[in-house]
PDB file of N, CA and C in Angstrom:
ATOM      1  N   MET A   1     -58.477 164.284-191.117  1.00  0.00           N
ATOM      2  CA  MET A   1     -57.585 165.036-190.233  1.00  0.00           C
ATOM      3  C   MET A   1     -56.845 165.562-190.916  1.00  0.00           C
ATOM      4  N   THR A   2     -56.213 167.180-190.743  1.00  0.00           N
ATOM      5  CA  THR A   2     -54.980 167.309-191.175  1.00  0.00           C
ATOM      6  C   THR A   2     -53.646 166.699-190.090  1.00  0.00           C
ATOM      7  N   PRO A   3     -52.654 167.315-190.647  1.00  0.00           N
ATOM      8  CA  PRO A   3     -51.180 167.204-190.107  1.00  0.00           C
ATOM      9  C   PRO A   3     -51.446 167.741-189.090  1.00  0.00           C
ATOM     10  N   ASP A   4     -52.191 169.125-189.127  1.00  0.00           N
ATOM     11  CA  ASP A   4     -51.896 170.183-188.500  1.00  0.00           C
ATOM     12  C   ASP A   4     -52.190 169.700-187.151  1.00  0.00           C
ATOM     13  N   GLU A   5     -53.748 169.692-187.541  1.00  0.00           N
ATOM     14  CA  GLU A   5     -54.596 168.424-186.066  1.00  0.00           C
ATOM     15  C   GLU A   5     -54.463 167.414-185.396  1.00  0.00           C
ATOM     16  N   ILE A   6     -53.821 166.992-186.287  1.00  0.00           N
ATOM     17  CA  ILE A   6     -53.138 165.153-185.728  1.00  0.00           C
ATOM     18  C   ILE A   6     -52.169 165.286-184.705  1.00  0.00           C
ATOM     19  N   ARG A   7     -50.962 166.439-185.247  1.00  0.00           N
ATOM     20  CA  ARG A   7     -49.975 166.970-184.252  1.00  0.00           C
ATOM     21  C   ARG A   7     -50.112 167.787-182.927  1.00  0.00           C
ATOM     22  N   LYS A   8     -50.978 168.390-182.801  1.00  0.00           N
ATOM     23  CA  LYS A   8     -51.764 169.127-181.906  1.00  0.00           C
ATOM     24  C   LYS A   8     -52.447 168.248-181.519  1.00  0.00           C
ATOM     25  N   ARG A   9     -53.867 166.978-181.600  1.00  0.00           N
ATOM     26  CA  ARG A   9     -53.884 166.866-181.148  1.00  0.00           C
ATOM     27  C   ARG A   9     -53.171 165.501-179.725  1.00  0.00           C
ATOM     28  N   PHE A  10     -51.893 164.525-180.858  1.00  0.00           N
ATOM     29  CA  PHE A  10     -50.777 164.055-180.121  1.00  0.00           C
ATOM     30  C   PHE A  10     -50.077 165.105-178.747  1.00  0.00           C
ATOM     31  N   PHE A  11     -49.793 166.508-179.206  1.00  0.00           N
ATOM     32  CA  PHE A  11     -49.684 167.002-178.329  1.00  0.00           C
ATOM     33  C   PHE A  11     -50.662 167.069-176.903  1.00  0.00           C
ATOM     34  N   ASP A  12     -52.092 167.945-176.927  1.00  0.00           N
ATOM     35  CA  ASP A  12     -52.488 167.565-175.977  1.00  0.00           C
ATOM     36  C   ASP A  12     -53.185 165.960-175.018  1.00  0.00           C
ATOM     37  N   ILE A  13     -52.779 164.469-176.036  1.00  0.00           N
ATOM     38  CA  ILE A  13     -52.914 163.944-175.018  1.00  0.00           C
ATOM     39  C   ILE A  13     -52.106 163.358-174.230  1.00  0.00           C
ATOM     40  N   LEU A  14     -50.718 163.673-174.890  1.00  0.00           N
ATOM     41  CA  LEU A  14     -49.224 163.046-174.120  1.00  0.00           C
ATOM     42  C   LEU A  14     -49.999 164.086-172.954  1.00  0.00           C
ATOM     43  N   THR A  15     -50.248 165.499-173.031  1.00  0.00           N
ATOM     44  CA  THR A  15     -50.102 166.320-171.668  1.00  0.00           C
ATOM     45  C   THR A  15     -51.165 165.582-170.864  1.00  0.00           C
ATOM     46  N   ARG A  16     -52.761 165.135-171.403  1.00  0.00           N
ATOM     47  CA  ARG A  16     -53.867 164.757-170.622  1.00  0.00           C
ATOM     48  C   ARG A  16     -53.081 163.482-169.918  1.00  0.00           C
ATOM     49  N   VAL A  17     -52.217 162.739-170.700  1.00  0.00           N
ATOM     50  CA  VAL A  17     -52.409 161.918-170.140  1.00  0.00           C
ATOM     51  C   VAL A  17     -50.920 161.928-168.599  1.00  0.00           C
ATOM     52  N   GLN A  18     -49.713 162.914-169.127  1.00  0.00           N
ATOM     53  CA  GLN A  18     -49.606 162.999-167.781  1.00  0.00           C
ATOM     54  C   GLN A  18     -50.148 163.533-166.720  1.00  0.00           C
ATOM     55  N   ARG A  19     -50.716 164.619-167.231  1.00  0.00           N
ATOM     56  CA  ARG A  19     -51.264 165.309-165.640  1.00  0.00           C
ATOM     57  C   ARG A  19     -52.426 164.551-164.763  1.00  0.00           C
ATOM     58  N   ASP A  20     -52.884 163.714-165.461  1.00  0.00           N
ATOM     59  CA  ASP A  20     -54.425 161.876-165.022  1.00  0.00           C
ATOM     60  C   ASP A  20     -53.811 161.903-164.458  1.00  0.00           C
ATOM     61  N   SER A  21     -52.108 161.237-165.262  1.00  0.00           N
ATOM     62  CA  SER A  21     -51.621 160.078-163.635  1.00  0.00           C
ATOM     63  C   SER A  21     -50.552 161.144-162.790  1.00  0.00           C
ATOM     64  N   ASP A  22     -50.513 162.398-162.482  1.00  0.00           N
ATOM     65  CA  ASP A  22     -50.341 163.261-161.759  1.00  0.00           C
ATOM     66  C   ASP A  22     -48.773 162.916-161.165  1.00  0.00           C
ATOM     67  N   ALA A  23     -48.523 163.565-163.445  1.00  0.00           N
ATOM     68  CA  ALA A  23     -46.913 162.834-163.618  1.00  0.00           C
ATOM     69  C   ALA A  23     -46.921 165.051-164.100  1.00  0.00           C
ATOM     70  N   PRO A  24     -45.195 165.378-164.324  1.00  0.00           N
ATOM     71  CA  PRO A  24     -45.048 166.468-164.343  1.00  0.00           C
ATOM     72  C   PRO A  24     -45.435 165.744-165.684  1.00  0.00           C
ATOM     73  N   CYS A  25     -45.572 167.767-166.719  1.00  0.00           N
ATOM     74  CA  CYS A  25     -45.294 167.592-168.025  1.00  0.00           C
ATOM     75  C   CYS A  25     -44.580 168.859-168.447  1.00  0.00           C
ATOM     76  N   PRO A  26     -43.178 168.290-169.115  1.00  0.00           N
ATOM     77  CA  PRO A  26     -42.010 169.352-168.996  1.00  0.00           C
ATOM     78  C   PRO A  26     -43.104 170.233-171.364  1.00  0.00           C
ATOM     79  N   ALA A  27     -42.641 171.011-170.964  1.00  0.00           N
ATOM     80  CA  ALA A  27     -43.123 171.571-171.956  1.00  0.00           C
ATOM     81  C   ALA A  27     -42.411 170.957-173.808  1.00  0.00           C
ATOM     82  N   LEU A  28     -43.500 170.620-174.281  1.00  0.00           N
ATOM     83  CA  LEU A  28     -43.144 169.775-175.342  1.00  0.00           C
ATOM     84  C   LEU A  28     -42.844 169.941-176.675  1.00  0.00           C
ATOM     85  N   SER A  29     -41.933 169.508-177.330  1.00  0.00           N
ATOM     86  CA  SER A  29     -41.831 170.345-178.542  1.00  0.00           C
ATOM     87  C   SER A  29     -41.431 168.746-179.771  1.00  0.00           C
ATOM     88  N   ASP A  30     -41.170 169.201-181.065  1.00  0.00           N
ATOM     89  CA  ASP A  30     -41.140 168.140-182.352  1.00  0.00           C
ATOM     90  C   ASP A  30     -39.762 166.788-181.365  1.00  0.00           C
ATOM     91  N   ASP A  31     -38.786 167.768-181.032  1.00  0.00           N
ATOM     92  CA  ASP A  31     -37.640 166.922-180.521  1.00  0.00           C
ATOM     93  C   ASP A  31     -37.761 166.194-178.857  1.00  0.00           C
ATOM     94  N   THR A  32     -39.172 165.854-178.069  1.00  0.00           N
ATOM     95  CA  THR A  32     -39.225 165.686-177.078  1.00  0.00           C
ATOM     96  C   THR A  32     -39.350 164.159-177.098  1.00  0.00           C
ATOM     97  N   VAL A  33     -38.873 163.438-176.789  1.00  0.00           N
ATOM     98  CA  VAL A  33     -39.114 161.409-176.267  1.00  0.00           C
ATOM     99  C   VAL A  33     -39.852 160.893-175.493  1.00  0.00           C
ATOM    100  N   PRO A  34     -40.695 160.862-175.482  1.00  0.00           N
ATOM    101  CA  PRO A  34     -41.948 160.568-174.618  1.00  0.00           C
ATOM    102  C   PRO A  34     -41.388 159.734-173.262  1.00  0.00           C
ATOM    103  N   LEU A  35     -40.970 158.520-173.791  1.00  0.00           N
ATOM    104  CA  LEU A  35     -40.593 157.555-172.795  1.00  0.00           C
ATOM    105  C   LEU A  35     -38.815 157.706-172.422  1.00  0.00           C
ATOM    106  N   ARG A  36     -38.267 158.774-172.854  1.00  0.00           N
ATOM    107  CA  ARG A  36     -37.123 159.449-172.204  1.00  0.00           C
ATOM    108  C   ARG A  36     -37.216 160.880-171.342  1.00  0.00           C
ATOM    109  N   ASP A  37     -38.407 161.380-172.191  1.00  0.00           N
ATOM    110  CA  ASP A  37     -38.494 163.278-171.440  1.00  0.00           C
ATOM    111  C   ASP A  37     -39.887 163.212-170.758  1.00  0.00           C
ATOM    112  N   LEU A  38     -40.895 162.550-170.367  1.00  0.00           N
ATOM    113  CA  LEU A  38     -41.707 162.824-169.191  1.00  0.00           C
ATOM    114  C   LEU A  38     -41.514 161.807-168.594  1.00  0.00           C
ATOM    115  N   PRO A  39     -41.469 162.677-167.028  1.00  0.00           N
ATOM    116  CA  PRO A  39     -41.586 161.904-165.992  1.00  0.00           C
ATOM    117  C   PRO A  39     -42.368 160.660-165.969  1.00  0.00           C
ATOM    118  N   GLY A  40     -42.403 159.298-165.578  1.00  0.00           N
ATOM    119  CA  GLY A  40     -43.289 158.413-165.225  1.00  0.00           C
ATOM    120  C   GLY A  40     -44.004 157.804-166.856  1.00  0.00           C
ATOM    121  N   PHE A  41     -43.728 158.172-168.111  1.00  0.00           N
ATOM    122  CA  PHE A  41     -44.127 157.524-168.979  1.00  0.00           C
ATOM    123  C   PHE A  41     -43.936 156.493-169.620  1.00  0.00           C
ATOM    124  N   ASP A  42     -44.771 155.712-169.263  1.00  0.00           N
ATOM    125  CA  ASP A  42     -44.424 153.929-169.337  1.00  0.00           C
ATOM    126  C   ASP A  42     -45.170 153.249-170.641  1.00  0.00           C
ATOM    127  N   SER A  43     -45.086 151.677-170.609  1.00  0.00           N
ATOM    128  CA  SER A  43     -45.762 150.980-171.540  1.00  0.00           C
ATOM    129  C   SER A  43     -47.282 151.486-170.687  1.00  0.00           C
ATOM    130  N   LEU A  44     -47.497 151.371-170.116  1.00  0.00           N
ATOM    131  CA  LEU A  44     -49.215 151.768-169.406  1.00  0.00           C
ATOM    132  C   LEU A  44     -49.262 152.849-170.069  1.00  0.00           C
ATOM    133  N   SER A  45     -48.533 154.190-170.084  1.00  0.00           N
ATOM    134  CA  SER A  45     -48.780 155.349-170.838  1.00  0.00           C
ATOM    135  C   SER A  45     -49.603 155.063-172.019  1.00  0.00           C
ATOM    136  N   CYS A  46     -48.178 154.863-172.584  1.00  0.00           N
ATOM    137  CA  CYS A  46     -48.035 154.496-174.551  1.00  0.00           C
ATOM    138  C   CYS A  46     -49.958 153.409-174.771  1.00  0.00           C
ATOM    139  N   THR A  47     -50.286 153.197-173.530  1.00  0.00           N
ATOM    140  CA  THR A  47     -51.363 152.219-173.854  1.00  0.00           C
ATOM    141  C   THR A  47     -52.251 153.586-174.015  1.00  0.00           C
ATOM    142  N   ASP A  48     -52.666 154.607-172.926  1.00  0.00           N
ATOM    143  CA  ASP A  48     -53.544 155.472-172.994  1.00  0.00           C
ATOM    144  C   ASP A  48     -53.563 156.102-173.823  1.00  0.00           C
ATOM    145  N   ALA A  49     -52.275 155.990-174.321  1.00  0.00           N
ATOM    146  CA  ALA A  49     -52.251 156.979-175.458  1.00  0.00           C
ATOM    147  C   ALA A  49     -53.276 157.044-176.482  1.00  0.00           C
ATOM    148  N   GLU A  50     -52.882 155.795-177.079  1.00  0.00           N
ATOM    149  CA  GLU A  50     -53.311 155.014-177.889  1.00  0.00           C
ATOM    150  C   GLU A  50     -54.724 155.079-177.637  1.00  0.00           C
ATOM    151  N   ASP A  51     -55.069 154.516-176.731  1.00  0.00           N
ATOM    152  CA  ASP A  51     -56.827 154.799-176.654  1.00  0.00           C
ATOM    153  C   ASP A  51     -57.045 156.158-176.957  1.00  0.00           C
ATOM    154  N   ARG A  52     -56.820 156.742-176.025  1.00  0.00           N
ATOM    155  CA  ARG A  52     -56.913 158.297-176.228  1.00  0.00           C
ATOM    156  C   ARG A  52     -57.408 158.925-177.343  1.00  0.00           C
ATOM    157  N   LEU A  53     -55.705 158.794-178.541  1.00  0.00           N
ATOM    158  CA  LEU A  53     -55.769 158.405-179.988  1.00  0.00           C
ATOM    159  C   LEU A  53     -56.601 157.603-181.200  1.00  0.00           C
ATOM    160  N   SER A  54     -57.531 156.990-180.363  1.00  0.00           N
ATOM    161  CA  SER A  54     -58.125 156.077-181.351  1.00  0.00           C
ATOM    162  C   SER A  54     -60.065 156.859-181.233  1.00  0.00           C
ATOM    163  N   THR A  55     -59.346 157.140-180.382  1.00  0.00           N
ATOM    164  CA  THR A  55     -61.376 157.772-179.583  1.00  0.00           C
ATOM    165  C   THR A  55     -61.020 159.105-180.177  1.00  0.00           C
ATOM    166  N   GLU A  56     -60.051 160.511-180.661  1.00  0.00           N
ATOM    167  CA  GLU A  56     -59.312 161.579-180.784  1.00  0.00           C
ATOM    168  C   GLU A  56     -59.836 161.528-182.104  1.00  0.00           C
ATOM    169  N   LEU A  57     -59.395 160.833-183.006  1.00  0.00           N
ATOM    170  CA  LEU A  57     -59.337 160.787-184.272  1.00  0.00           C
ATOM    171  C   LEU A  57     -60.268 159.692-185.103  1.00  0.00           C
ATOM    172  N   GLY A  58     -60.733 159.007-184.244  1.00  0.00           N
ATOM    173  CA  GLY A  58     -62.639 158.394-184.793  1.00  0.00           C
ATOM    174  C   GLY A  58     -61.694 157.070-185.460  1.00  0.00           C
ATOM    175  N   VAL A  59     -60.942 156.687-185.185  1.00  0.00           N
ATOM    176  CA  VAL A  59     -60.361 155.491-186.034  1.00  0.00           C
ATOM    177  C   VAL A  59     -59.684 154.580-184.952  1.00  0.00           C
ATOM    178  N   ASP A  60     -59.486 153.083-185.550  1.00  0.00           N
ATOM    179  CA  ASP A  60     -58.341 152.497-184.359  1.00  0.00           C
ATOM    180  C   ASP A  60     -56.751 152.572-184.693  1.00  0.00           C
ATOM    181  N   VAL A  61     -56.459 153.033-183.869  1.00  0.00           N
ATOM    182  CA  VAL A  61     -55.418 153.468-183.756  1.00  0.00           C
ATOM    183  C   VAL A  61     -54.222 152.563-182.845  1.00  0.00           C
ATOM    184  N   ASP A  62     -53.969 150.944-183.848  1.00  0.00           N
ATOM    185  CA  ASP A  62     -53.397 150.467-182.738  1.00  0.00           C
ATOM    186  C   ASP A  62     -52.139 149.956-182.621  1.00  0.00           C
ATOM    187  N   SER A  63     -50.981 150.833-182.822  1.00  0.00           N
ATOM    188  CA  SER A  63     -49.549 151.065-182.437  1.00  0.00           C
ATOM    189  C   SER A  63     -49.947 152.214-182.524  1.00  0.00           C
ATOM    190  N   ILE A  64     -49.234 153.276-181.741  1.00  0.00           N
ATOM    191  CA  ILE A  64     -48.197 154.243-181.844  1.00  0.00           C
ATOM    192  C   ILE A  64     -46.997 153.839-181.880  1.00  0.00           C
ATOM    193  N   PRO A  65     -46.409 154.601-182.716  1.00  0.00           N
ATOM    194  CA  PRO A  65     -44.638 153.901-182.140  1.00  0.00           C
ATOM    195  C   PRO A  65     -43.652 154.428-182.007  1.00  0.00           C
ATOM    196  N   PHE A  66     -43.982 154.446-180.632  1.00  0.00           N
ATOM    197  CA  PHE A  66     -43.137 155.510-179.283  1.00  0.00           C
ATOM    198  C   PHE A  66     -41.898 154.869-179.442  1.00  0.00           C
ATOM    199  N   LYS A  67     -41.164 154.031-180.061  1.00  0.00           N
ATOM    200  CA  LYS A  67     -39.882 152.994-180.301  1.00  0.00           C
ATOM    201  C   LYS A  67     -40.075 152.198-181.908  1.00  0.00           C
ATOM    202  N   SER A  68     -39.309 152.614-182.529  1.00  0.00           N
ATOM    203  CA  SER A  68     -38.950 152.644-183.751  1.00  0.00           C
ATOM    204  C   SER A  68     -38.753 150.919-184.653  1.00  0.00           C
ATOM    205  N   SER A  69     -39.470 150.184-185.145  1.00  0.00           N
ATOM    206  CA  SER A  69     -39.463 148.469-185.013  1.00  0.00           C
ATOM    207  C   SER A  69     -38.394 148.557-185.609  1.00  0.00           C
ATOM    208  N   LYS A  70     -37.817 149.221-186.161  1.00  0.00           N
ATOM    209  CA  LYS A  70     -36.762 149.034-187.624  1.00  0.00           C
ATOM    210  C   LYS A  70     -35.197 149.556-186.193  1.00  0.00           C
ATOM    211  N   ARG A  71     -35.135 150.058-185.605  1.00  0.00           N
ATOM    212  CA  ARG A  71     -33.836 150.274-184.972  1.00  0.00           C
ATOM    213  C   ARG A  71     -34.131 149.714-183.938  1.00  0.00           C
ATOM    214  N   GLY A  72     -34.995 149.693-183.267  1.00  0.00           N
ATOM    215  CA  GLY A  72     -35.359 150.368-181.710  1.00  0.00           C
ATOM    216  C   GLY A  72     -35.111 151.038-180.559  1.00  0.00           C
ATOM    217  N   ASN A  73     -35.105 152.528-181.337  1.00  0.00           N
ATOM    218  CA  ASN A  73     -34.863 153.467-180.531  1.00  0.00           C
ATOM    219  C   ASN A  73     -35.682 154.432-180.302  1.00  0.00           C
ATOM    220  N   GLU A  74     -36.153 155.040-179.360  1.00  0.00           N
ATOM    221  CA  GLU A  74     -37.159 155.615-178.988  1.00  0.00           C
ATOM    222  C   GLU A  74     -37.365 156.661-179.464  1.00  0.00           C
ATOM    223  N   GLN A  75     -39.111 157.034-179.868  1.00  0.00           N
ATOM    224  CA  GLN A  75     -38.930 158.307-181.478  1.00  0.00           C
ATOM    225  C   GLN A  75     -38.878 158.918-180.733  1.00  0.00           C
ATOM    226  N   THR A  76     -39.024 160.467-180.811  1.00  0.00           N
ATOM    227  CA  THR A  76     -39.750 161.870-180.877  1.00  0.00           C
ATOM    228  C   THR A  76     -40.755 161.941-180.726  1.00  0.00           C
ATOM    229  N   ILE A  77     -41.541 162.590-180.554  1.00  0.00           N
ATOM    230  CA  ILE A  77     -42.865 163.611-181.545  1.00  0.00           C
ATOM    231  C   ILE A  77     -42.563 163.478-182.336  1.00  0.00           C
ATOM    232  N   LYS A  78     -41.686 164.314-183.236  1.00  0.00           N
ATOM    233  CA  LYS A  78     -42.091 164.611-184.896  1.00  0.00           C
ATOM    234  C   LYS A  78     -41.894 163.041-185.521  1.00  0.00           C
ATOM    235  N   GLU A  79     -41.383 162.178-185.208  1.00  0.00           N
ATOM    236  CA  GLU A  79     -41.136 161.086-185.714  1.00  0.00           C
ATOM    237  C   GLU A  79     -42.468 160.582-185.381  1.00  0.00           C
ATOM    238  N   ILE A  80     -42.903 160.200-184.804  1.00  0.00           N
ATOM    239  CA  ILE A  80     -44.052 159.507-183.933  1.00  0.00           C
ATOM    240  C   ILE A  80     -45.692 160.297-184.828  1.00  0.00           C
ATOM    241  N   VAL A  81     -45.664 161.554-184.780  1.00  0.00           N
ATOM    242  CA  VAL A  81     -46.783 162.064-185.964  1.00  0.00           C
ATOM    243  C   VAL A  81     -46.150 162.169-187.004  1.00  0.00           C
ATOM    244  N   ASP A  82     -45.492 162.155-187.732  1.00  0.00           N
ATOM    245  CA  ASP A  82     -45.406 161.849-189.397  1.00  0.00           C
ATOM    246  C   ASP A  82     -45.414 160.439-189.671  1.00  0.00           C
ATOM    247  N   PHE A  83     -45.507 159.480-188.829  1.00  0.00           N
ATOM    248  CA  PHE A  83     -45.899 157.818-188.805  1.00  0.00           C
ATOM    249  C   PHE A  83     -47.546 159.051-188.859  1.00  0.00           C
ATOM    250  N   LEU A  84     -47.931 158.904-187.888  1.00  0.00           N
ATOM    251  CA  LEU A  84     -49.578 159.062-187.956  1.00  0.00           C
ATOM    252  C   LEU A  84     -50.040 160.057-188.869  1.00  0.00           C
ATOM    253  N   CYS A  85     -49.346 161.254-189.333  1.00  0.00           N
ATOM    254  CA  CYS A  85     -49.915 161.396-190.637  1.00  0.00           C
ATOM    255  C   CYS A  85     -50.009 160.916-191.140  1.00  0.00           C
ATOM    256  N   ARG A  86     -48.786 159.991-192.153  1.00  0.00           N
ATOM    257  CA  ARG A  86     -49.239 158.450-192.710  1.00  0.00           C
ATOM    258  C   ARG A  86     -50.211 157.858-193.171  1.00  0.00           C
ATOM    259  N   LYS A  87     -49.962 157.453-192.051  1.00  0.00           N
ATOM    260  CA  LYS A  87     -51.385 156.598-191.436  1.00  0.00           C
ATOM    261  C   LYS A  87     -53.106 156.902-191.474  1.00  0.00           C
ATOM    262  N   TYR A  88     -53.048 158.858-191.004  1.00  0.00           N
ATOM    263  CA  TYR A  88     -54.629 159.118-191.139  1.00  0.00           C
ATOM    264  C   TYR A  88     -55.040 160.492-191.519  1.00  0.00           C
ATOM    265  N   ALA A  89     -53.599 160.903-191.872  1.00  0.00           N
ATOM    266  CA  ALA A  89     -53.614 162.594-192.497  1.00  0.00           C
ATOM    267  C   ALA A  89     -54.982 162.102-193.647  1.00  0.00           C
ATOM    268  N   THR A  90     -55.682 163.574-193.889  1.00  0.00           N
ATOM    269  CA  THR A  90     -56.513 163.720-194.866  1.00  0.00           C
ATOM    270  C   THR A  90     -56.357 164.087-195.834  1.00  0.00           C
ATOM    271  N   GLY A  91     -55.767 166.052-195.079  1.00  0.00           N
ATOM    272  CA  GLY A  91     -55.221 167.085-195.911  1.00  0.00           C
ATOM    273  C   GLY A  91     -53.695 166.925-195.784  1.00  0.00           C
ATOM    274  N   GLY A  92     -53.064 168.270-196.207  1.00  0.00           N
ATOM    275  CA  GLY A  92     -51.892 168.353-196.198  1.00  0.00           C
ATOM    276  C   GLY A  92     -50.413 167.765-196.031  1.00  0.00           C
ATOM    277  N   SER A  93     -49.618 168.036-196.134  1.00  0.00           N
ATOM    278  CA  SER A  93     -48.052 166.993-195.603  1.00  0.00           C
ATOM    279  C   SER A  93     -47.617 167.094-194.555  1.00  0.00           C
ATOM    280  N   PRO A  94     -47.489 165.999-193.940  1.00  0.00           N
ATOM    281  CA  PRO A  94     -46.448 166.041-193.253  1.00  0.00           C
ATOM    282  C   PRO A  94     -45.414 166.859-192.622  1.00  0.00           C
TER     283      PRO A  94
END
């Protein structure tokens, strides 16, 4: 899966998580911070997104770094997608 495909699927998954939990989903961008900018997005939403991404990518996504393990701050979509691309992309560059 290419970085562009991973990015698109992640955007789609975040949108579906919000929709399925009856929470609003503002327009997403690379600068969106899910844990801060998505209403009602919490640790259960993170787990839901991980499960959905595992299914979408056909791999076991054990953890999406919604928070930086080094700095402890909440990550932007771009930072999360860059991590996912390093770990799961098969072609192109992040």
